[in-house]
Protein backbone atom coordinates (compact mmCIF):
# COMPACT_ATOMS: atom_id res chain seq x y z
CA UNK A 1 98.10 93.29 83.64
CA UNK A 2 95.06 95.06 85.05
CA UNK A 3 93.85 98.02 83.02
CA UNK A 4 93.13 101.18 85.00
CA UNK A 5 90.12 103.27 84.04
CA UNK A 6 90.15 106.96 84.82
CA UNK A 7 87.07 108.39 86.47
CA UNK A 8 86.09 111.79 85.13
CA UNK A 9 84.38 114.58 87.07
CA UNK A 10 80.96 113.69 85.66
CA UNK A 11 81.39 110.14 87.03
CA UNK A 12 82.54 110.85 90.61
CA UNK A 13 79.16 109.77 91.98
CA UNK A 14 79.87 106.24 90.68
CA UNK A 15 82.76 105.70 93.11
CA UNK A 16 81.82 103.36 95.94
CA UNK A 17 81.56 105.04 99.35
CA UNK A 18 83.90 102.43 100.84
CA UNK A 19 86.57 103.37 98.25
CA UNK A 20 86.17 107.05 99.05
CA UNK A 21 86.66 106.30 102.75
CA UNK A 22 89.77 104.18 102.06
CA UNK A 23 91.31 107.04 100.08
CA UNK A 24 90.48 109.54 102.83
CA UNK A 25 92.14 107.27 105.39
CA UNK A 26 95.31 107.24 103.24
CA UNK A 27 95.21 111.02 102.93
CA UNK A 28 94.77 111.46 106.68
CA UNK A 29 97.70 109.14 107.33
CA UNK A 30 99.90 110.80 104.71
CA UNK A 31 99.22 114.29 106.11
CA UNK A 32 99.71 113.16 109.70
CA UNK A 33 96.23 114.28 110.72
CA UNK A 34 95.05 112.82 114.03
CA UNK A 35 91.53 112.08 112.75
CA UNK A 36 89.35 112.55 109.69
CA UNK A 37 86.35 113.54 111.71
CA UNK A 38 85.99 115.32 115.03
CA UNK A 39 83.76 118.08 116.37
CA UNK A 40 83.02 120.41 113.47
CA UNK A 41 85.46 118.64 111.13
CA UNK A 42 84.51 115.70 108.91
CA UNK A 43 86.60 115.03 105.81
CA UNK A 44 84.62 111.85 105.18
CA UNK A 45 81.33 113.73 104.95
CA UNK A 46 82.76 116.62 102.91
CA UNK A 47 84.46 114.48 100.28
CA UNK A 48 81.70 111.88 100.11
CA UNK A 49 79.09 114.64 99.67
CA UNK A 50 81.20 116.41 97.03
CA UNK A 51 81.53 113.20 95.03
CA UNK A 52 78.03 111.78 95.49
CA UNK A 53 75.65 114.78 95.59
CA UNK A 54 75.73 116.72 92.33
CA UNK A 55 73.61 119.61 93.61
CA UNK A 56 75.78 120.02 96.73
CA UNK A 57 78.91 119.86 94.56
CA UNK A 58 77.50 122.73 92.53
CA UNK A 59 76.81 124.71 95.74
CA UNK A 60 80.33 124.05 97.06
CA UNK A 61 81.87 125.04 93.73
CA UNK A 62 79.80 128.22 93.69
CA UNK A 63 80.92 129.07 97.24
CA UNK A 64 84.57 128.48 96.30
CA UNK A 65 84.14 130.23 92.94
CA UNK A 66 85.11 127.10 91.02
CA UNK A 67 83.61 127.14 87.52
CA UNK A 68 81.70 123.94 86.81
CA UNK A 69 79.79 124.61 83.62
CA UNK A 70 79.87 120.94 82.59
CA UNK A 71 78.25 119.74 85.79
CA UNK A 72 74.57 118.93 86.14
CA UNK A 73 72.68 121.75 87.87
CA UNK A 74 69.04 120.96 88.55
CA UNK A 75 68.23 124.50 89.68
CA UNK A 76 69.78 126.10 86.59
CA UNK A 77 67.92 123.74 84.27
CA UNK A 78 64.64 124.62 86.01
CA UNK A 79 65.43 128.36 85.74
CA UNK A 80 66.23 127.99 82.04
CA UNK A 81 62.94 126.17 81.45
CA UNK A 82 60.99 128.89 83.28
CA UNK A 83 62.65 131.63 81.22
CA UNK A 84 62.10 129.67 78.00
CA UNK A 85 58.41 129.18 78.84
CA UNK A 86 58.00 132.90 79.66
CA UNK A 87 59.59 133.91 76.36
CA UNK A 88 57.54 131.44 74.31
CA UNK A 89 54.35 132.26 76.15
């Protein structure tokens, strides 16, 4: 019996792009959507970007007001370092 491993939110970027696309195709079929990408609409790009690009995921979460305190945020780390350096001189 094959053991299934769960992928956690901090590991989404490890999912192969081809697997993401296969899952999107299943979702499109299941929802009866005519296409996953057309003019101004690209589920493939949105979901792939959300999974693969940690900084963009943070921006999307911020836009949607989704708390993601456990996610890597390059800009917040830089801001924290600047503030820390200003305080410590």
